[in-house]
Amino acid sequence: MTASVIRSPLLLAALVGAVILALAPSASQAQQAPAKKAHAAQTAKAGKGEKVCRVKLQYTGEVRTWICPKEVPCCVWHEINYVKCGSTITGCL
């Protein structure tokens, strides 16, 4: 009985992880500026209905700049050095 109870949360966690990865936008959707080109990061300009997202990563000190639609949040995971545009429904999940 305990083995089936332990497997259920693990299976649920694996399923949720797979869904999150499947719904995550690709790197081309979160338009990231190269970290080595500091000038390019400073001159990133958003078009109509877009916003510039900019963050300095905690562990590497790298500054990342990317463009997202205005209505979605700018999402950052410092632990894995990952940035992306969120979703109006799920936020940064």
PDB file of N, CA and C in Angstrom:
ATOM      1  N   MET A   1       0.819  -1.189   0.000  1.00  0.00           N
ATOM      2  CA  MET A   1       0.000   0.000   0.000  1.00  0.00           C
ATOM      3  C   MET A   1       0.864   1.255   0.000  1.00  0.00           C
ATOM      4  N   THR A   2       1.945   1.265   0.755  1.00  0.00           N
ATOM      5  CA  THR A   2       2.805   2.449   0.765  1.00  0.00           C
ATOM      6  C   THR A   2       3.500   2.657  -0.578  1.00  0.00           C
ATOM      7  N   ALA A   3       3.829   1.614  -1.292  1.00  0.00           N
ATOM      8  CA  ALA A   3       4.496   1.773  -2.581  1.00  0.00           C
ATOM      9  C   ALA A   3       3.594   2.488  -3.587  1.00  0.00           C
ATOM     10  N   SER A   4       2.305   2.177  -3.604  1.00  0.00           N
ATOM     11  CA  SER A   4       1.390   2.847  -4.534  1.00  0.00           C
ATOM     12  C   SER A   4       1.158   4.302  -4.136  1.00  0.00           C
ATOM     13  N   VAL A   5       1.185   4.590  -2.846  1.00  0.00           N
ATOM     14  CA  VAL A   5       1.014   5.959  -2.378  1.00  0.00           C
ATOM     15  C   VAL A   5       2.225   6.795  -2.781  1.00  0.00           C
ATOM     16  N   ILE A   6       3.417   6.215  -2.717  1.00  0.00           N
ATOM     17  CA  ILE A   6       4.638   6.942  -3.081  1.00  0.00           C
ATOM     18  C   ILE A   6       4.698   7.164  -4.592  1.00  0.00           C
ATOM     19  N   ARG A   7       4.285   6.209  -5.374  1.00  0.00           N
ATOM     20  CA  ARG A   7       4.347   6.331  -6.831  1.00  0.00           C
ATOM     21  C   ARG A   7       3.401   7.402  -7.366  1.00  0.00           C
ATOM     22  N   SER A   8       2.251   7.560  -6.782  1.00  0.00           N
ATOM     23  CA  SER A   8       1.267   8.524  -7.273  1.00  0.00           C
ATOM     24  C   SER A   8       1.786   9.956  -7.276  1.00  0.00           C
ATOM     25  N   PRO A   9       2.389  10.465  -6.201  1.00  0.00           N
ATOM     26  CA  PRO A   9       2.923  11.828  -6.239  1.00  0.00           C
ATOM     27  C   PRO A   9       4.079  11.968  -7.231  1.00  0.00           C
ATOM     28  N   LEU A  10       4.901  10.929  -7.338  1.00  0.00           N
ATOM     29  CA  LEU A  10       6.010  10.986  -8.294  1.00  0.00           C
ATOM     30  C   LEU A  10       5.493  11.024  -9.726  1.00  0.00           C
ATOM     31  N   LEU A  11       4.494  10.232 -10.006  1.00  0.00           N
ATOM     32  CA  LEU A  11       3.896  10.218 -11.339  1.00  0.00           C
ATOM     33  C   LEU A  11       3.244  11.559 -11.643  1.00  0.00           C
ATOM     34  N   LEU A  12       2.551  12.122 -10.662  1.00  0.00           N
ATOM     35  CA  LEU A  12       1.916  13.422 -10.843  1.00  0.00           C
ATOM     36  C   LEU A  12       2.970  14.508 -11.092  1.00  0.00           C
ATOM     37  N   ALA A  13       4.047  14.495 -10.333  1.00  0.00           N
ATOM     38  CA  ALA A  13       5.113  15.484 -10.510  1.00  0.00           C
ATOM     39  C   ALA A  13       5.757  15.356 -11.892  1.00  0.00           C
ATOM     40  N   ALA A  14       5.976  14.140 -12.345  1.00  0.00           N
ATOM     41  CA  ALA A  14       6.555  13.925 -13.673  1.00  0.00           C
ATOM     42  C   ALA A  14       5.608  14.418 -14.763  1.00  0.00           C
ATOM     43  N   LEU A  15       4.326  14.170 -14.596  1.00  0.00           N
ATOM     44  CA  LEU A  15       3.336  14.614 -15.569  1.00  0.00           C
ATOM     45  C   LEU A  15       3.266  16.136 -15.626  1.00  0.00           C
ATOM     46  N   VAL A  16       3.254  16.797 -14.456  1.00  0.00           N
ATOM     47  CA  VAL A  16       3.214  18.258 -14.415  1.00  0.00           C
ATOM     48  C   VAL A  16       4.478  18.838 -15.061  1.00  0.00           C
ATOM     49  N   GLY A  17       5.635  18.246 -14.776  1.00  0.00           N
ATOM     50  CA  GLY A  17       6.887  18.704 -15.382  1.00  0.00           C
ATOM     51  C   GLY A  17       6.860  18.582 -16.894  1.00  0.00           C
ATOM     52  N   ALA A  18       6.341  17.483 -17.398  1.00  0.00           N
ATOM     53  CA  ALA A  18       6.264  17.283 -18.848  1.00  0.00           C
ATOM     54  C   ALA A  18       5.334  18.307 -19.500  1.00  0.00           C
ATOM     55  N   VAL A  19       4.229  18.615 -18.849  1.00  0.00           N
ATOM     56  CA  VAL A  19       3.288  19.597 -19.387  1.00  0.00           C
ATOM     57  C   VAL A  19       3.924  20.983 -19.412  1.00  0.00           C
ATOM     58  N   ILE A  20       4.632  21.348 -18.352  1.00  0.00           N
ATOM     59  CA  ILE A  20       5.290  22.658 -18.303  1.00  0.00           C
ATOM     60  C   ILE A  20       6.320  22.782 -19.410  1.00  0.00           C
ATOM     61  N   LEU A  21       7.117  21.745 -19.616  1.00  0.00           N
ATOM     62  CA  LEU A  21       8.116  21.786 -20.685  1.00  0.00           C
ATOM     63  C   LEU A  21       7.467  21.860 -22.062  1.00  0.00           C
ATOM     64  N   ALA A  22       6.356  21.186 -22.229  1.00  0.00           N
ATOM     65  CA  ALA A  22       5.682  21.204 -23.523  1.00  0.00           C
ATOM     66  C   ALA A  22       5.087  22.574 -23.824  1.00  0.00           C
ATOM     67  N   LEU A  23       4.636  23.282 -22.791  1.00  0.00           N
ATOM     68  CA  LEU A  23       4.009  24.583 -22.991  1.00  0.00           C
ATOM     69  C   LEU A  23       4.994  25.744 -22.977  1.00  0.00           C
ATOM     70  N   ALA A  24       6.238  25.508 -22.575  1.00  0.00           N
ATOM     71  CA  ALA A  24       7.232  26.584 -22.499  1.00  0.00           C
ATOM     72  C   ALA A  24       7.570  27.072 -23.908  1.00  0.00           C
ATOM     73  N   PRO A  25       7.642  28.381 -24.103  1.00  0.00           N
ATOM     74  CA  PRO A  25       7.982  28.894 -25.427  1.00  0.00           C
ATOM     75  C   PRO A  25       9.434  28.584 -25.767  1.00  0.00           C
ATOM     76  N   SER A  26       9.684  28.447 -27.045  1.00  0.00           N
ATOM     77  CA  SER A  26      11.051  28.148 -27.475  1.00  0.00           C
ATOM     78  C   SER A  26      11.925  29.389 -27.340  1.00  0.00           C
ATOM     79  N   ALA A  27      13.231  29.205 -27.495  1.00  0.00           N
ATOM     80  CA  ALA A  27      14.184  30.315 -27.352  1.00  0.00           C
ATOM     81  C   ALA A  27      13.933  31.401 -28.398  1.00  0.00           C
ATOM     82  N   SER A  28      13.361  31.029 -29.544  1.00  0.00           N
ATOM     83  CA  SER A  28      13.106  32.043 -30.565  1.00  0.00           C
ATOM     84  C   SER A  28      11.966  32.975 -30.165  1.00  0.00           C
ATOM     85  N   GLN A  29      11.043  32.506 -29.314  1.00  0.00           N
ATOM     86  CA  GLN A  29       9.951  33.367 -28.870  1.00  0.00           C
ATOM     87  C   GLN A  29      10.422  34.369 -27.824  1.00  0.00           C
ATOM     88  N   ALA A  30      11.291  33.957 -26.939  1.00  0.00           N
ATOM     89  CA  ALA A  30      11.883  34.879 -25.968  1.00  0.00           C
ATOM     90  C   ALA A  30      13.176  35.373 -26.602  1.00  0.00           C
ATOM     91  N   GLN A  31      13.106  36.482 -27.287  1.00  0.00           N
ATOM     92  CA  GLN A  31      14.221  36.968 -28.079  1.00  0.00           C
ATOM     93  C   GLN A  31      15.314  37.482 -27.158  1.00  0.00           C
ATOM     94  N   GLN A  32      16.347  36.646 -26.951  1.00  0.00           N
ATOM     95  CA  GLN A  32      17.404  36.972 -26.022  1.00  0.00           C
ATOM     96  C   GLN A  32      18.558  37.641 -26.755  1.00  0.00           C
ATOM     97  N   ALA A  33      19.054  38.731 -26.168  1.00  0.00           N
ATOM     98  CA  ALA A  33      20.226  39.407 -26.719  1.00  0.00           C
ATOM     99  C   ALA A  33      21.473  38.693 -26.233  1.00  0.00           C
ATOM    100  N   PRO A  34      22.528  38.610 -27.047  1.00  0.00           N
ATOM    101  CA  PRO A  34      23.765  37.976 -26.610  1.00  0.00           C
ATOM    102  C   PRO A  34      24.368  38.732 -25.435  1.00  0.00           C
ATOM    103  N   ALA A  35      24.861  37.984 -24.451  1.00  0.00           N
ATOM    104  CA  ALA A  35      25.411  38.599 -23.243  1.00  0.00           C
ATOM    105  C   ALA A  35      26.721  39.328 -23.536  1.00  0.00           C
ATOM    106  N   LYS A  36      27.483  38.879 -24.512  1.00  0.00           N
ATOM    107  CA  LYS A  36      28.784  39.480 -24.813  1.00  0.00           C
ATOM    108  C   LYS A  36      28.641  40.845 -25.468  1.00  0.00           C
ATOM    109  N   LYS A  37      27.493  41.126 -26.030  1.00  0.00           N
ATOM    110  CA  LYS A  37      27.274  42.398 -26.708  1.00  0.00           C
ATOM    111  C   LYS A  37      26.481  43.322 -25.793  1.00  0.00           C
ATOM    112  N   ALA A  38      27.172  43.978 -24.887  1.00  0.00           N
ATOM    113  CA  ALA A  38      26.507  44.854 -23.919  1.00  0.00           C
ATOM    114  C   ALA A  38      25.789  45.999 -24.621  1.00  0.00           C
ATOM    115  N   HIS A  39      26.373  46.491 -25.686  1.00  0.00           N
ATOM    116  CA  HIS A  39      25.753  47.593 -26.417  1.00  0.00           C
ATOM    117  C   HIS A  39      24.418  47.162 -27.018  1.00  0.00           C
ATOM    118  N   ALA A  40      24.374  45.944 -27.536  1.00  0.00           N
ATOM    119  CA  ALA A  40      23.130  45.448 -28.128  1.00  0.00           C
ATOM    120  C   ALA A  40      22.049  45.311 -27.058  1.00  0.00           C
ATOM    121  N   ALA A  41      22.431  44.929 -25.848  1.00  0.00           N
ATOM    122  CA  ALA A  41      21.464  44.782 -24.765  1.00  0.00           C
ATOM    123  C   ALA A  41      20.895  46.142 -24.362  1.00  0.00           C
ATOM    124  N   GLN A  42      21.692  47.198 -24.458  1.00  0.00           N
ATOM    125  CA  GLN A  42      21.233  48.517 -24.079  1.00  0.00           C
ATOM    126  C   GLN A  42      20.323  49.125 -25.140  1.00  0.00           C
ATOM    127  N   THR A  43      20.460  48.713 -26.380  1.00  0.00           N
ATOM    128  CA  THR A  43      19.701  49.321 -27.463  1.00  0.00           C
ATOM    129  C   THR A  43      18.477  48.492 -27.878  1.00  0.00           C
ATOM    130  N   ALA A  44      18.128  47.463 -27.123  1.00  0.00           N
ATOM    131  CA  ALA A  44      16.950  46.668 -27.465  1.00  0.00           C
ATOM    132  C   ALA A  44      15.714  47.554 -27.356  1.00  0.00           C
ATOM    133  N   LYS A  45      14.931  47.587 -28.407  1.00  0.00           N
ATOM    134  CA  LYS A  45      13.739  48.427 -28.424  1.00  0.00           C
ATOM    135  C   LYS A  45      12.517  47.569 -28.710  1.00  0.00           C
ATOM    136  N   ALA A  46      11.484  47.817 -27.945  1.00  0.00           N
ATOM    137  CA  ALA A  46      10.245  47.073 -28.123  1.00  0.00           C
ATOM    138  C   ALA A  46       9.383  47.756 -29.168  1.00  0.00           C
ATOM    139  N   GLY A  47       8.699  46.958 -29.940  1.00  0.00           N
ATOM    140  CA  GLY A  47       7.757  47.478 -30.918  1.00  0.00           C
ATOM    141  C   GLY A  47       6.407  47.734 -30.263  1.00  0.00           C
ATOM    142  N   LYS A  48       5.434  48.009 -31.079  1.00  0.00           N
ATOM    143  CA  LYS A  48       4.088  48.281 -30.575  1.00  0.00           C
ATOM    144  C   LYS A  48       3.533  47.015 -29.915  1.00  0.00           C
ATOM    145  N   GLY A  49       3.041  47.151 -28.691  1.00  0.00           N
ATOM    146  CA  GLY A  49       2.479  46.014 -27.968  1.00  0.00           C
ATOM    147  C   GLY A  49       3.522  45.117 -27.326  1.00  0.00           C
ATOM    148  N   GLU A  50       4.777  45.549 -27.282  1.00  0.00           N
ATOM    149  CA  GLU A  50       5.852  44.759 -26.693  1.00  0.00           C
ATOM    150  C   GLU A  50       6.531  45.548 -25.577  1.00  0.00           C
ATOM    151  N   LYS A  51       7.307  44.835 -24.767  1.00  0.00           N
ATOM    152  CA  LYS A  51       8.104  45.480 -23.731  1.00  0.00           C
ATOM    153  C   LYS A  51       9.474  44.825 -23.672  1.00  0.00           C
ATOM    154  N   VAL A  52      10.452  45.584 -23.197  1.00  0.00           N
ATOM    155  CA  VAL A  52      11.816  45.077 -23.048  1.00  0.00           C
ATOM    156  C   VAL A  52      11.955  44.526 -21.641  1.00  0.00           C
ATOM    157  N   CYS A  53      12.406  43.282 -21.536  1.00  0.00           N
ATOM    158  CA  CYS A  53      12.668  42.662 -20.240  1.00  0.00           C
ATOM    159  C   CYS A  53      14.180  42.594 -20.073  1.00  0.00           C
ATOM    160  N   ARG A  54      14.658  42.984 -18.908  1.00  0.00           N
ATOM    161  CA  ARG A  54      16.108  43.006 -18.678  1.00  0.00           C
ATOM    162  C   ARG A  54      16.364  42.541 -17.252  1.00  0.00           C
ATOM    163  N   VAL A  55      17.338  41.648 -17.069  1.00  0.00           N
ATOM    164  CA  VAL A  55      17.674  41.144 -15.743  1.00  0.00           C
ATOM    165  C   VAL A  55      19.165  40.826 -15.677  1.00  0.00           C
ATOM    166  N   LYS A  56      19.727  41.004 -14.487  1.00  0.00           N
ATOM    167  CA  LYS A  56      21.110  40.581 -14.235  1.00  0.00           C
ATOM    168  C   LYS A  56      21.013  39.275 -13.457  1.00  0.00           C
ATOM    169  N   LEU A  57      21.546  38.195 -14.029  1.00  0.00           N
ATOM    170  CA  LEU A  57      21.464  36.892 -13.389  1.00  0.00           C
ATOM    171  C   LEU A  57      22.311  36.878 -12.119  1.00  0.00           C
ATOM    172  N   GLN A  58      21.781  36.284 -11.064  1.00  0.00           N
ATOM    173  CA  GLN A  58      22.425  36.323  -9.759  1.00  0.00           C
ATOM    174  C   GLN A  58      23.746  35.578  -9.716  1.00  0.00           C
ATOM    175  N   TYR A  59      23.828  34.417 -10.316  1.00  0.00           N
ATOM    176  CA  TYR A  59      25.006  33.571 -10.158  1.00  0.00           C
ATOM    177  C   TYR A  59      26.119  33.893 -11.137  1.00  0.00           C
ATOM    178  N   THR A  60      25.765  34.321 -12.335  1.00  0.00           N
ATOM    179  CA  THR A  60      26.785  34.592 -13.346  1.00  0.00           C
ATOM    180  C   THR A  60      27.060  36.078 -13.517  1.00  0.00           C
ATOM    181  N   GLY A  61      26.143  36.920 -13.097  1.00  0.00           N
ATOM    182  CA  GLY A  61      26.294  38.360 -13.281  1.00  0.00           C
ATOM    183  C   GLY A  61      25.990  38.802 -14.704  1.00  0.00           C
ATOM    184  N   GLU A  62      25.592  37.882 -15.549  1.00  0.00           N
ATOM    185  CA  GLU A  62      25.273  38.165 -16.952  1.00  0.00           C
ATOM    186  C   GLU A  62      23.972  38.969 -17.040  1.00  0.00           C
ATOM    187  N   VAL A  63      23.942  39.953 -17.914  1.00  0.00           N
ATOM    188  CA  VAL A  63      22.726  40.736 -18.139  1.00  0.00           C
ATOM    189  C   VAL A  63      22.024  40.165 -19.362  1.00  0.00           C
ATOM    190  N   ARG A  64      20.763  39.782 -19.183  1.00  0.00           N
ATOM    191  CA  ARG A  64      19.972  39.242 -20.284  1.00  0.00           C
ATOM    192  C   ARG A  64      18.873  40.233 -20.633  1.00  0.00           C
ATOM    193  N   THR A  65      18.647  40.420 -21.904  1.00  0.00           N
ATOM    194  CA  THR A  65      17.598  41.303 -22.397  1.00  0.00           C
ATOM    195  C   THR A  65      16.787  40.538 -23.433  1.00  0.00           C
ATOM    196  N   TRP A  66      15.464  40.618 -23.320  1.00  0.00           N
ATOM    197  CA  TRP A  66      14.598  39.960 -24.288  1.00  0.00           C
ATOM    198  C   TRP A  66      13.302  40.754 -24.407  1.00  0.00           C
ATOM    199  N   ILE A  67      12.551  40.485 -25.455  1.00  0.00           N
ATOM    200  CA  ILE A  67      11.322  41.210 -25.760  1.00  0.00           C
ATOM    201  C   ILE A  67      10.116  40.293 -25.518  1.00  0.00           C
ATOM    202  N   CYS A  68       9.120  40.818 -24.806  1.00  0.00           N
ATOM    203  CA  CYS A  68       7.881  40.072 -24.550  1.00  0.00           C
ATOM    204  C   CYS A  68       6.682  40.944 -24.913  1.00  0.00           C
ATOM    205  N   PRO A  69       5.533  40.329 -25.173  1.00  0.00           N
ATOM    206  CA  PRO A  69       4.314  41.111 -25.330  1.00  0.00           C
ATOM    207  C   PRO A  69       3.992  41.843 -24.027  1.00  0.00           C
ATOM    208  N   LYS A  70       3.341  42.994 -24.108  1.00  0.00           N
ATOM    209  CA  LYS A  70       3.050  43.809 -22.921  1.00  0.00           C
ATOM    210  C   LYS A  70       2.199  43.089 -21.890  1.00  0.00           C
ATOM    211  N   GLU A  71       1.284  42.257 -22.342  1.00  0.00           N
ATOM    212  CA  GLU A  71       0.334  41.656 -21.407  1.00  0.00           C
ATOM    213  C   GLU A  71       0.885  40.460 -20.632  1.00  0.00           C
ATOM    214  N   VAL A  72       2.054  39.954 -20.987  1.00  0.00           N
ATOM    215  CA  VAL A  72       2.610  38.792 -20.281  1.00  0.00           C
ATOM    216  C   VAL A  72       3.791  39.209 -19.402  1.00  0.00           C
ATOM    217  N   PRO A  73       4.052  38.455 -18.322  1.00  0.00           N
ATOM    218  CA  PRO A  73       5.168  38.808 -17.441  1.00  0.00           C
ATOM    219  C   PRO A  73       6.515  38.365 -18.010  1.00  0.00           C
ATOM    220  N   CYS A  74       7.569  39.044 -17.568  1.00  0.00           N
ATOM    221  CA  CYS A  74       8.941  38.636 -17.862  1.00  0.00           C
ATOM    222  C   CYS A  74       9.336  37.631 -16.793  1.00  0.00           C
ATOM    223  N   CYS A  75       9.746  36.445 -17.187  1.00  0.00           N
ATOM    224  CA  CYS A  75      10.025  35.377 -16.225  1.00  0.00           C
ATOM    225  C   CYS A  75      11.510  35.055 -16.188  1.00  0.00           C
ATOM    226  N   VAL A  76      12.038  34.862 -14.974  1.00  0.00           N
ATOM    227  CA  VAL A  76      13.463  34.576 -14.782  1.00  0.00           C
ATOM    228  C   VAL A  76      13.608  33.469 -13.755  1.00  0.00           C
ATOM    229  N   TRP A  77      14.447  32.481 -14.057  1.00  0.00           N
ATOM    230  CA  TRP A  77      14.848  31.461 -13.104  1.00  0.00           C
ATOM    231  C   TRP A  77      16.350  31.580 -12.946  1.00  0.00           C
ATOM    232  N   HIS A  78      16.774  32.215 -11.858  1.00  0.00           N
ATOM    233  CA  HIS A  78      18.194  32.459 -11.624  1.00  0.00           C
ATOM    234  C   HIS A  78      18.961  31.160 -11.409  1.00  0.00           C
ATOM    235  N   GLU A  79      18.333  30.166 -10.814  1.00  0.00           N
ATOM    236  CA  GLU A  79      19.011  28.910 -10.498  1.00  0.00           C
ATOM    237  C   GLU A  79      19.498  28.174 -11.738  1.00  0.00           C
ATOM    238  N   ILE A  80      18.776  28.312 -12.836  1.00  0.00           N
ATOM    239  CA  ILE A  80      19.167  27.602 -14.064  1.00  0.00           C
ATOM    240  C   ILE A  80      19.528  28.567 -15.196  1.00  0.00           C
ATOM    241  N   ASN A  81      19.684  29.850 -14.870  1.00  0.00           N
ATOM    242  CA  ASN A  81      20.063  30.872 -15.859  1.00  0.00           C
ATOM    243  C   ASN A  81      19.126  30.855 -17.060  1.00  0.00           C
ATOM    244  N   TYR A  82      17.833  30.936 -16.803  1.00  0.00           N
ATOM    245  CA  TYR A  82      16.825  30.828 -17.865  1.00  0.00           C
ATOM    246  C   TYR A  82      15.857  32.000 -17.787  1.00  0.00           C
ATOM    247  N   VAL A  83      15.556  32.569 -18.935  1.00  0.00           N
ATOM    248  CA  VAL A  83      14.572  33.652 -19.026  1.00  0.00           C
ATOM    249  C   VAL A  83      13.568  33.311 -20.114  1.00  0.00           C
ATOM    250  N   LYS A  84      12.347  33.817 -19.966  1.00  0.00           N
ATOM    251  CA  LYS A  84      11.325  33.594 -20.999  1.00  0.00           C
ATOM    252  C   LYS A  84      10.180  34.548 -20.780  1.00  0.00           C
ATOM    253  N   CYS A  85       9.296  34.623 -21.745  1.00  0.00           N
ATOM    254  CA  CYS A  85       8.052  35.370 -21.619  1.00  0.00           C
ATOM    255  C   CYS A  85       7.024  34.431 -20.997  1.00  0.00           C
ATOM    256  N   GLY A  86       6.272  34.933 -20.033  1.00  0.00           N
ATOM    257  CA  GLY A  86       5.282  34.106 -19.347  1.00  0.00           C
ATOM    258  C   GLY A  86       3.995  33.988 -20.139  1.00  0.00           C
ATOM    259  N   SER A  87       2.941  33.733 -19.412  1.00  0.00           N
ATOM    260  CA  SER A  87       1.623  33.545 -20.010  1.00  0.00           C
ATOM    261  C   SER A  87       0.600  34.343 -19.215  1.00  0.00           C
ATOM    262  N   THR A  88      -0.422  34.822 -19.882  1.00  0.00           N
ATOM    263  CA  THR A  88      -1.477  35.560 -19.178  1.00  0.00           C
ATOM    264  C   THR A  88      -2.289  34.632 -18.288  1.00  0.00           C
ATOM    265  N   ILE A  89      -2.295  33.352 -18.589  1.00  0.00           N
ATOM    266  CA  ILE A  89      -3.087  32.395 -17.809  1.00  0.00           C
ATOM    267  C   ILE A  89      -2.279  31.822 -16.639  1.00  0.00           C
ATOM    268  N   THR A  90      -1.083  31.330 -16.909  1.00  0.00           N
ATOM    269  CA  THR A  90      -0.306  30.643 -15.869  1.00  0.00           C
ATOM    270  C   THR A  90       0.806  31.502 -15.279  1.00  0.00           C
ATOM    271  N   GLY A  91       0.988  32.708 -15.753  1.00  0.00           N
ATOM    272  CA  GLY A  91       2.074  33.552 -15.238  1.00  0.00           C
ATOM    273  C   GLY A  91       3.422  33.003 -15.654  1.00  0.00           C
ATOM    274  N   CYS A  92       4.289  32.765 -14.684  1.00  0.00           N
ATOM    275  CA  CYS A  92       5.641  32.266 -14.983  1.00  0.00           C
ATOM    276  C   CYS A  92       5.790  30.765 -14.756  1.00  0.00           C
ATOM    277  N   LEU A  93       4.682  30.033 -14.646  1.00  0.00           N
ATOM    278  CA  LEU A  93       4.772  28.575 -14.463  1.00  0.00           C
ATOM    279  C   LEU A  93       5.210  27.894 -15.714  1.00  0.00           C
TER     280      LEU A  93
END
